[in-house]
Amino acid sequence: MTLSPPPSPSSATARILVVDDEPQIRRFLDISLRAQGYRTLLADSAGAALPMLATQAPDLVVLDLGLPDRDGLDLLRDLRGWSQVPVVVLTVRADEQEKVAALDAGANDYVTKPFGIQELMARIRALLRTHAAPQDASPIFDDGELRVDLARREVTLRGDSIALSRKEYALLALLVRHAGRVVTQPQILRDVWGPTHQEDTHYLRILVAKLRQKLGDDAAAPRWIATEPGVGLRLLRHPPET
């Protein structure tokens, strides 16, 4: 097997997570990546990949779409809720609509099987160069009372699990990802409801009220969700109580 020249020392230390249910593909990529100096993590399902994504902080993900427990697109959408790690989709799905869906869901590149290993390695090197930036913040927000685990989609308040609707969780996760900073109303409406709802501010008022009620938060004296009049919302950051 002939490969391109090894990557530079700075990128050679990159950790790459391969998520694929085919043992032969995982083994082939593991050997190929390690031959180029990369460190590898291997997962055969979405369930196996999520803990690695949350705790091992890979620098890049090679993701198959046909996973045994979940569709790879669903895993990608969940991942984009808390991380911007570059993702190369590697799949047998060659249909243009599948490619469009993956790119819209947050994939950085799309390679179809069967694939050329030299081309895949070149795409990986290019993405690592482009995304050579500080690591994503921890996917867990915890101030001692409110705990939001973005990787596991779990919300607890003083140790008790909080059941949130899909949109309630989407709003809270968006605020957590920007904790301490104002998230504008148009951005919230676009991210939670889609680009055609950026004028529907009444949706947001209703959703915020429901989320505050479940968190026991007071709009007049907020513990977590503060309103910046005419601008948007901000998640207040409090140090954990000792």
C-alpha atoms as a PDB file:
ATOM      1  CA  MET A   1       0.000   0.000   0.000  1.00  0.00           C
ATOM      2  CA  THR A   2       1.485   3.334  -1.112  1.00  0.00           C
ATOM      3  CA  LEU A   3       0.452   6.487   0.712  1.00  0.00           C
ATOM      4  CA  SER A   4       1.255  10.155   0.391  1.00  0.00           C
ATOM      5  CA  PRO A   5       4.073  11.605   2.501  1.00  0.00           C
ATOM      6  CA  PRO A   6       3.382  11.615   6.239  1.00  0.00           C
ATOM      7  CA  PRO A   7       1.754  14.734   7.644  1.00  0.00           C
ATOM      8  CA  SER A   8       3.692  17.458   9.406  1.00  0.00           C
ATOM      9  CA  PRO A   9       4.597  16.864  13.092  1.00  0.00           C
ATOM     10  CA  SER A  10       1.872  19.236  14.279  1.00  0.00           C
ATOM     11  CA  SER A  11      -0.902  17.321  12.481  1.00  0.00           C
ATOM     12  CA  ALA A  12       0.656  13.897  13.024  1.00  0.00           C
ATOM     13  CA  THR A  13      -0.447  13.988  16.659  1.00  0.00           C
ATOM     14  CA  ALA A  14      -4.099  14.394  15.646  1.00  0.00           C
ATOM     15  CA  ARG A  15      -6.577  11.909  17.080  1.00  0.00           C
ATOM     16  CA  ILE A  16      -9.058  10.555  14.526  1.00  0.00           C
ATOM     17  CA  LEU A  17     -12.260   8.717  15.390  1.00  0.00           C
ATOM     18  CA  VAL A  18     -13.463   6.173  12.824  1.00  0.00           C
ATOM     19  CA  VAL A  19     -17.160   5.291  13.154  1.00  0.00           C
ATOM     20  CA  ASP A  20     -18.024   2.368  10.869  1.00  0.00           C
ATOM     21  CA  ASP A  21     -19.799  -0.934  11.464  1.00  0.00           C
ATOM     22  CA  GLU A  22     -17.674  -2.859   8.932  1.00  0.00           C
ATOM     23  CA  PRO A  23     -14.709  -4.488  10.724  1.00  0.00           C
ATOM     24  CA  GLN A  24     -12.676  -4.589   7.509  1.00  0.00           C
ATOM     25  CA  ILE A  25     -13.074  -0.840   6.944  1.00  0.00           C
ATOM     26  CA  ARG A  26     -12.211  -0.031  10.549  1.00  0.00           C
ATOM     27  CA  ARG A  27      -9.114  -2.241  10.380  1.00  0.00           C
ATOM     28  CA  PHE A  28      -8.001  -0.805   7.039  1.00  0.00           C
ATOM     29  CA  LEU A  29      -8.428   2.796   8.185  1.00  0.00           C
ATOM     30  CA  ASP A  30      -6.771   2.081  11.530  1.00  0.00           C
ATOM     31  CA  ILE A  31      -3.678   0.704   9.797  1.00  0.00           C
ATOM     32  CA  SER A  32      -3.637   3.469   7.174  1.00  0.00           C
ATOM     33  CA  LEU A  33      -4.058   6.306   9.665  1.00  0.00           C
ATOM     34  CA  ARG A  34      -1.496   4.978  12.117  1.00  0.00           C
ATOM     35  CA  ALA A  35       0.959   4.510   9.248  1.00  0.00           C
ATOM     36  CA  GLN A  36       0.615   8.257   8.696  1.00  0.00           C
ATOM     37  CA  GLY A  37       1.323   9.004  12.351  1.00  0.00           C
ATOM     38  CA  TYR A  38      -2.223   9.675  13.492  1.00  0.00           C
ATOM     39  CA  ARG A  39      -3.709   8.326  16.690  1.00  0.00           C
ATOM     40  CA  THR A  40      -6.947   6.409  16.158  1.00  0.00           C
ATOM     41  CA  LEU A  41     -10.174   5.706  17.992  1.00  0.00           C
ATOM     42  CA  LEU A  42     -12.547   3.068  16.612  1.00  0.00           C
ATOM     43  CA  ALA A  43     -16.309   2.719  17.083  1.00  0.00           C
ATOM     44  CA  ASP A  44     -18.734   0.301  15.427  1.00  0.00           C
ATOM     45  CA  SER A  45     -21.948   2.166  16.301  1.00  0.00           C
ATOM     46  CA  ALA A  46     -23.354   5.549  17.279  1.00  0.00           C
ATOM     47  CA  GLY A  47     -23.708   4.334  20.857  1.00  0.00           C
ATOM     48  CA  ALA A  48     -20.024   3.455  21.011  1.00  0.00           C
ATOM     49  CA  ALA A  49     -18.995   6.704  19.322  1.00  0.00           C
ATOM     50  CA  LEU A  50     -20.829   9.159  21.578  1.00  0.00           C
ATOM     51  CA  PRO A  51     -18.781   8.549  24.756  1.00  0.00           C
ATOM     52  CA  MET A  52     -15.568   8.848  22.718  1.00  0.00           C
ATOM     53  CA  LEU A  53     -16.761  12.095  21.169  1.00  0.00           C
ATOM     54  CA  ALA A  54     -17.607  13.462  24.605  1.00  0.00           C
ATOM     55  CA  THR A  55     -14.488  12.351  26.500  1.00  0.00           C
ATOM     56  CA  GLN A  56     -11.673  11.701  24.014  1.00  0.00           C
ATOM     57  CA  ALA A  57     -11.889  14.995  22.056  1.00  0.00           C
ATOM     58  CA  PRO A  58     -10.992  13.651  18.593  1.00  0.00           C
ATOM     59  CA  ASP A  59      -9.566  16.161  16.136  1.00  0.00           C
ATOM     60  CA  LEU A  60     -11.500  14.675  13.212  1.00  0.00           C
ATOM     61  CA  VAL A  61     -14.232  12.093  12.660  1.00  0.00           C
ATOM     62  CA  VAL A  62     -14.608   9.667   9.752  1.00  0.00           C
ATOM     63  CA  LEU A  63     -18.295   8.756   9.847  1.00  0.00           C
ATOM     64  CA  ASP A  64     -20.263   6.037   8.064  1.00  0.00           C
ATOM     65  CA  LEU A  65     -23.976   6.759   7.612  1.00  0.00           C
ATOM     66  CA  GLY A  66     -25.234   3.167   7.745  1.00  0.00           C
ATOM     67  CA  LEU A  67     -24.742   2.416  11.427  1.00  0.00           C
ATOM     68  CA  PRO A  68     -26.548  -0.475  13.138  1.00  0.00           C
ATOM     69  CA  ASP A  69     -28.201   1.491  15.953  1.00  0.00           C
ATOM     70  CA  ARG A  70     -28.797   4.943  14.457  1.00  0.00           C
ATOM     71  CA  ASP A  71     -28.468   6.660  11.119  1.00  0.00           C
ATOM     72  CA  GLY A  72     -25.170   8.498  10.874  1.00  0.00           C
ATOM     73  CA  LEU A  73     -27.000  11.699   9.938  1.00  0.00           C
ATOM     74  CA  ASP A  74     -28.771  11.684  13.306  1.00  0.00           C
ATOM     75  CA  LEU A  75     -25.462  11.253  15.083  1.00  0.00           C
ATOM     76  CA  LEU A  76     -23.997  14.097  13.035  1.00  0.00           C
ATOM     77  CA  ARG A  77     -26.873  16.424  13.918  1.00  0.00           C
ATOM     78  CA  ASP A  78     -26.477  15.610  17.616  1.00  0.00           C
ATOM     79  CA  LEU A  79     -22.738  16.216  17.406  1.00  0.00           C
ATOM     80  CA  ARG A  80     -23.240  19.593  15.774  1.00  0.00           C
ATOM     81  CA  GLY A  81     -25.313  20.581  18.796  1.00  0.00           C
ATOM     82  CA  TRP A  82     -22.131  20.929  20.838  1.00  0.00           C
ATOM     83  CA  SER A  83     -19.042  20.451  18.683  1.00  0.00           C
ATOM     84  CA  GLN A  84     -17.542  21.762  15.451  1.00  0.00           C
ATOM     85  CA  VAL A  85     -15.021  18.923  15.088  1.00  0.00           C
ATOM     86  CA  PRO A  86     -14.479  18.296  11.341  1.00  0.00           C
ATOM     87  CA  VAL A  87     -16.390  15.302   9.981  1.00  0.00           C
ATOM     88  CA  VAL A  88     -15.693  13.338   6.810  1.00  0.00           C
ATOM     89  CA  VAL A  89     -18.662  11.201   5.816  1.00  0.00           C
ATOM     90  CA  LEU A  90     -17.511   7.887   4.309  1.00  0.00           C
ATOM     91  CA  THR A  91     -20.440   5.933   2.905  1.00  0.00           C
ATOM     92  CA  VAL A  92     -21.803   3.792   0.094  1.00  0.00           C
ATOM     93  CA  ARG A  93     -24.641   6.291  -0.381  1.00  0.00           C
ATOM     94  CA  ALA A  94     -23.766   8.026  -3.646  1.00  0.00           C
ATOM     95  CA  ASP A  95     -27.088   9.779  -4.304  1.00  0.00           C
ATOM     96  CA  GLU A  96     -26.817  13.549  -4.627  1.00  0.00           C
ATOM     97  CA  GLN A  97     -29.642  14.139  -2.156  1.00  0.00           C
ATOM     98  CA  GLU A  98     -27.848  12.042   0.465  1.00  0.00           C
ATOM     99  CA  LYS A  99     -24.737  14.158  -0.010  1.00  0.00           C
ATOM    100  CA  VAL A 100     -26.721  17.381   0.249  1.00  0.00           C
ATOM    101  CA  ALA A 101     -28.436  16.146   3.420  1.00  0.00           C
ATOM    102  CA  ALA A 102     -25.104  15.261   5.036  1.00  0.00           C
ATOM    103  CA  LEU A 103     -23.520  18.590   4.157  1.00  0.00           C
ATOM    104  CA  ASP A 104     -26.588  20.461   5.406  1.00  0.00           C
ATOM    105  CA  ALA A 105     -26.396  18.466   8.652  1.00  0.00           C
ATOM    106  CA  GLY A 106     -22.840  19.691   9.228  1.00  0.00           C
ATOM    107  CA  ALA A 107     -20.484  17.335   7.394  1.00  0.00           C
ATOM    108  CA  ASN A 108     -17.298  18.995   6.174  1.00  0.00           C
ATOM    109  CA  ASP A 109     -16.611  16.505   3.392  1.00  0.00           C
ATOM    110  CA  TYR A 110     -18.254  13.522   1.707  1.00  0.00           C
ATOM    111  CA  VAL A 111     -16.477  10.477   0.282  1.00  0.00           C
ATOM    112  CA  THR A 112     -18.216   7.482  -1.265  1.00  0.00           C
ATOM    113  CA  LYS A 113     -17.208   3.835  -1.008  1.00  0.00           C
ATOM    114  CA  PRO A 114     -15.260   2.300  -2.654  1.00  0.00           C
ATOM    115  CA  PHE A 115     -12.707   5.024  -2.016  1.00  0.00           C
ATOM    116  CA  GLY A 116      -9.074   5.788  -2.751  1.00  0.00           C
ATOM    117  CA  ILE A 117      -6.993   5.870   0.421  1.00  0.00           C
ATOM    118  CA  GLN A 118      -4.632   8.548  -0.904  1.00  0.00           C
ATOM    119  CA  GLU A 119      -7.532  10.868  -1.688  1.00  0.00           C
ATOM    120  CA  LEU A 120      -9.099  10.257   1.719  1.00  0.00           C
ATOM    121  CA  MET A 121      -5.796  11.013   3.454  1.00  0.00           C
ATOM    122  CA  ALA A 122      -5.436  14.228   1.456  1.00  0.00           C
ATOM    123  CA  ARG A 123      -8.941  15.318   2.464  1.00  0.00           C
ATOM    124  CA  ILE A 124      -8.173  14.556   6.110  1.00  0.00           C
ATOM    125  CA  ARG A 125      -4.950  16.583   5.983  1.00  0.00           C
ATOM    126  CA  ALA A 126      -6.773  19.504   4.370  1.00  0.00           C
ATOM    127  CA  LEU A 127      -9.487  19.516   7.037  1.00  0.00           C
ATOM    128  CA  LEU A 128      -6.975  19.287   9.871  1.00  0.00           C
ATOM    129  CA  ARG A 129      -5.088  22.262   8.451  1.00  0.00           C
ATOM    130  CA  THR A 130      -8.285  24.278   8.046  1.00  0.00           C
ATOM    131  CA  HIS A 131      -9.562  23.461  11.530  1.00  0.00           C
ATOM    132  CA  ALA A 132      -6.297  23.828  13.424  1.00  0.00           C
ATOM    133  CA  ALA A 133      -7.941  25.811  16.214  1.00  0.00           C
ATOM    134  CA  PRO A 134      -8.536  25.555  19.978  1.00  0.00           C
ATOM    135  CA  GLN A 135     -10.644  22.582  21.032  1.00  0.00           C
ATOM    136  CA  ASP A 136     -14.375  22.909  21.574  1.00  0.00           C
ATOM    137  CA  ALA A 137     -15.509  23.818  25.032  1.00  0.00           C
ATOM    138  CA  SER A 138     -16.565  21.003  27.317  1.00  0.00           C
ATOM    139  CA  PRO A 139     -19.937  19.579  26.239  1.00  0.00           C
ATOM    140  CA  ILE A 140     -21.102  19.810  29.867  1.00  0.00           C
ATOM    141  CA  PHE A 141     -22.489  22.912  31.569  1.00  0.00           C
ATOM    142  CA  ASP A 142     -22.590  22.545  35.342  1.00  0.00           C
ATOM    143  CA  ASP A 143     -22.905  25.389  37.847  1.00  0.00           C
ATOM    144  CA  GLY A 144     -23.680  23.177  40.822  1.00  0.00           C
ATOM    145  CA  GLU A 145     -27.448  23.351  40.331  1.00  0.00           C
ATOM    146  CA  LEU A 146     -28.176  23.158  36.623  1.00  0.00           C
ATOM    147  CA  ARG A 147     -26.300  20.508  34.664  1.00  0.00           C
ATOM    148  CA  VAL A 148     -26.642  20.154  30.893  1.00  0.00           C
ATOM    149  CA  ASP A 149     -24.755  17.322  29.209  1.00  0.00           C
ATOM    150  CA  LEU A 150     -24.886  18.170  25.509  1.00  0.00           C
ATOM    151  CA  ALA A 151     -23.273  14.926  24.403  1.00  0.00           C
ATOM    152  CA  ARG A 152     -25.860  12.781  26.202  1.00  0.00           C
ATOM    153  CA  ARG A 153     -28.760  15.266  25.881  1.00  0.00           C
ATOM    154  CA  GLU A 154     -29.346  15.102  29.640  1.00  0.00           C
ATOM    155  CA  VAL A 155     -30.580  17.970  31.812  1.00  0.00           C
ATOM    156  CA  THR A 156     -30.685  17.799  35.596  1.00  0.00           C
ATOM    157  CA  LEU A 157     -31.620  20.387  38.177  1.00  0.00           C
ATOM    158  CA  ARG A 158     -30.187  19.867  41.667  1.00  0.00           C
ATOM    159  CA  GLY A 159     -29.687  16.220  40.774  1.00  0.00           C
ATOM    160  CA  ASP A 160     -33.187  15.592  39.434  1.00  0.00           C
ATOM    161  CA  SER A 161     -33.737  14.855  35.743  1.00  0.00           C
ATOM    162  CA  ILE A 162     -35.712  17.491  33.844  1.00  0.00           C
ATOM    163  CA  ALA A 163     -37.916  16.358  30.941  1.00  0.00           C
ATOM    164  CA  LEU A 164     -37.783  18.912  28.153  1.00  0.00           C
ATOM    165  CA  SER A 165     -39.547  18.958  24.831  1.00  0.00           C
ATOM    166  CA  ARG A 166     -37.445  18.857  21.690  1.00  0.00           C
ATOM    167  CA  LYS A 167     -37.615  22.622  21.164  1.00  0.00           C
ATOM    168  CA  GLU A 168     -37.131  23.411  24.858  1.00  0.00           C
ATOM    169  CA  TYR A 169     -33.954  21.364  24.810  1.00  0.00           C
ATOM    170  CA  ALA A 170     -32.833  22.946  21.525  1.00  0.00           C
ATOM    171  CA  LEU A 171     -33.194  26.417  23.035  1.00  0.00           C
ATOM    172  CA  LEU A 172     -31.375  25.506  26.241  1.00  0.00           C
ATOM    173  CA  ALA A 173     -28.573  23.769  24.323  1.00  0.00           C
ATOM    174  CA  LEU A 174     -28.148  26.827  22.089  1.00  0.00           C
ATOM    175  CA  LEU A 175     -27.854  29.099  25.137  1.00  0.00           C
ATOM    176  CA  VAL A 176     -25.430  26.686  26.815  1.00  0.00           C
ATOM    177  CA  ARG A 177     -23.156  26.672  23.758  1.00  0.00           C
ATOM    178  CA  HIS A 178     -22.989  30.470  24.040  1.00  0.00           C
ATOM    179  CA  ALA A 179     -23.098  30.689  27.855  1.00  0.00           C
ATOM    180  CA  GLY A 180     -22.400  34.199  29.100  1.00  0.00           C
ATOM    181  CA  ARG A 181     -23.022  35.749  25.687  1.00  0.00           C
ATOM    182  CA  VAL A 182     -26.171  37.221  24.177  1.00  0.00           C
ATOM    183  CA  VAL A 183     -27.857  35.075  21.535  1.00  0.00           C
ATOM    184  CA  THR A 184     -30.029  37.264  19.314  1.00  0.00           C
ATOM    185  CA  GLN A 185     -33.698  36.599  18.655  1.00  0.00           C
ATOM    186  CA  PRO A 186     -33.176  36.024  14.902  1.00  0.00           C
ATOM    187  CA  GLN A 187     -30.412  33.506  15.631  1.00  0.00           C
ATOM    188  CA  ILE A 188     -32.587  31.621  18.119  1.00  0.00           C
ATOM    189  CA  LEU A 189     -35.575  31.543  15.764  1.00  0.00           C
ATOM    190  CA  ARG A 190     -33.392  30.390  12.878  1.00  0.00           C
ATOM    191  CA  ASP A 191     -31.659  27.648  14.879  1.00  0.00           C
ATOM    192  CA  VAL A 192     -34.732  26.332  16.722  1.00  0.00           C
ATOM    193  CA  TRP A 193     -37.509  26.781  14.143  1.00  0.00           C
ATOM    194  CA  GLY A 194     -35.694  27.297  10.833  1.00  0.00           C
ATOM    195  CA  PRO A 195     -34.906  30.196   8.486  1.00  0.00           C
ATOM    196  CA  THR A 196     -38.548  30.871   7.581  1.00  0.00           C
ATOM    197  CA  HIS A 197     -39.517  31.753  11.177  1.00  0.00           C
ATOM    198  CA  GLN A 198     -37.187  34.646  11.979  1.00  0.00           C
ATOM    199  CA  GLU A 199     -40.121  37.025  12.487  1.00  0.00           C
ATOM    200  CA  ASP A 200     -42.158  34.693  14.694  1.00  0.00           C
ATOM    201  CA  THR A 201     -41.045  36.158  18.008  1.00  0.00           C
ATOM    202  CA  HIS A 202     -44.260  35.016  19.737  1.00  0.00           C
ATOM    203  CA  TYR A 203     -43.056  31.418  19.348  1.00  0.00           C
ATOM    204  CA  LEU A 204     -39.947  32.338  21.282  1.00  0.00           C
ATOM    205  CA  ARG A 205     -41.832  34.104  24.080  1.00  0.00           C
ATOM    206  CA  ILE A 206     -43.994  31.027  24.649  1.00  0.00           C
ATOM    207  CA  LEU A 207     -41.025  28.646  24.560  1.00  0.00           C
ATOM    208  CA  VAL A 208     -38.938  30.730  26.960  1.00  0.00           C
ATOM    209  CA  ALA A 209     -41.836  30.887  29.415  1.00  0.00           C
ATOM    210  CA  LYS A 210     -42.210  27.087  29.335  1.00  0.00           C
ATOM    211  CA  LEU A 211     -38.483  26.524  29.768  1.00  0.00           C
ATOM    212  CA  ARG A 212     -38.275  28.973  32.665  1.00  0.00           C
ATOM    213  CA  GLN A 213     -41.211  27.251  34.338  1.00  0.00           C
ATOM    214  CA  LYS A 214     -39.501  23.850  34.163  1.00  0.00           C
ATOM    215  CA  LEU A 215     -36.261  25.303  35.514  1.00  0.00           C
ATOM    216  CA  GLY A 216     -38.040  27.272  38.226  1.00  0.00           C
ATOM    217  CA  ASP A 217     -36.471  30.432  36.832  1.00  0.00           C
ATOM    218  CA  ASP A 218     -37.933  33.875  37.502  1.00  0.00           C
ATOM    219  CA  ALA A 219     -38.003  36.279  34.570  1.00  0.00           C
ATOM    220  CA  ALA A 220     -37.896  39.262  36.945  1.00  0.00           C
ATOM    221  CA  ALA A 221     -34.839  37.937  38.817  1.00  0.00           C
ATOM    222  CA  PRO A 222     -33.346  35.271  36.557  1.00  0.00           C
ATOM    223  CA  ARG A 223     -31.010  32.623  37.829  1.00  0.00           C
ATOM    224  CA  TRP A 224     -30.187  31.307  34.359  1.00  0.00           C
ATOM    225  CA  ILE A 225     -32.120  32.806  31.431  1.00  0.00           C
ATOM    226  CA  ALA A 226     -31.775  36.572  31.217  1.00  0.00           C
ATOM    227  CA  THR A 227     -33.617  38.650  28.630  1.00  0.00           C
ATOM    228  CA  GLU A 228     -31.718  41.438  26.901  1.00  0.00           C
ATOM    229  CA  PRO A 229     -34.654  43.664  25.840  1.00  0.00           C
ATOM    230  CA  GLY A 230     -34.927  44.044  22.090  1.00  0.00           C
ATOM    231  CA  VAL A 231     -31.844  41.886  21.514  1.00  0.00           C
ATOM    232  CA  GLY A 232     -32.145  38.307  22.717  1.00  0.00           C
ATOM    233  CA  LEU A 233     -31.339  35.936  25.565  1.00  0.00           C
ATOM    234  CA  ARG A 234     -28.273  35.152  27.627  1.00  0.00           C
ATOM    235  CA  LEU A 235     -27.508  32.165  29.845  1.00  0.00           C
ATOM    236  CA  LEU A 236     -26.047  33.464  33.095  1.00  0.00           C
ATOM    237  CA  ARG A 237     -22.926  31.730  34.313  1.00  0.00           C
ATOM    238  CA  HIS A 238     -22.541  31.104  38.035  1.00  0.00           C
ATOM    239  CA  PRO A 239     -19.560  29.390  39.666  1.00  0.00           C
ATOM    240  CA  PRO A 240     -20.424  26.024  41.267  1.00  0.00           C
ATOM    241  CA  GLU A 241     -21.301  26.353  44.917  1.00  0.00           C
ATOM    242  CA  THR A 242     -18.791  24.799  47.268  1.00  0.00           C
END
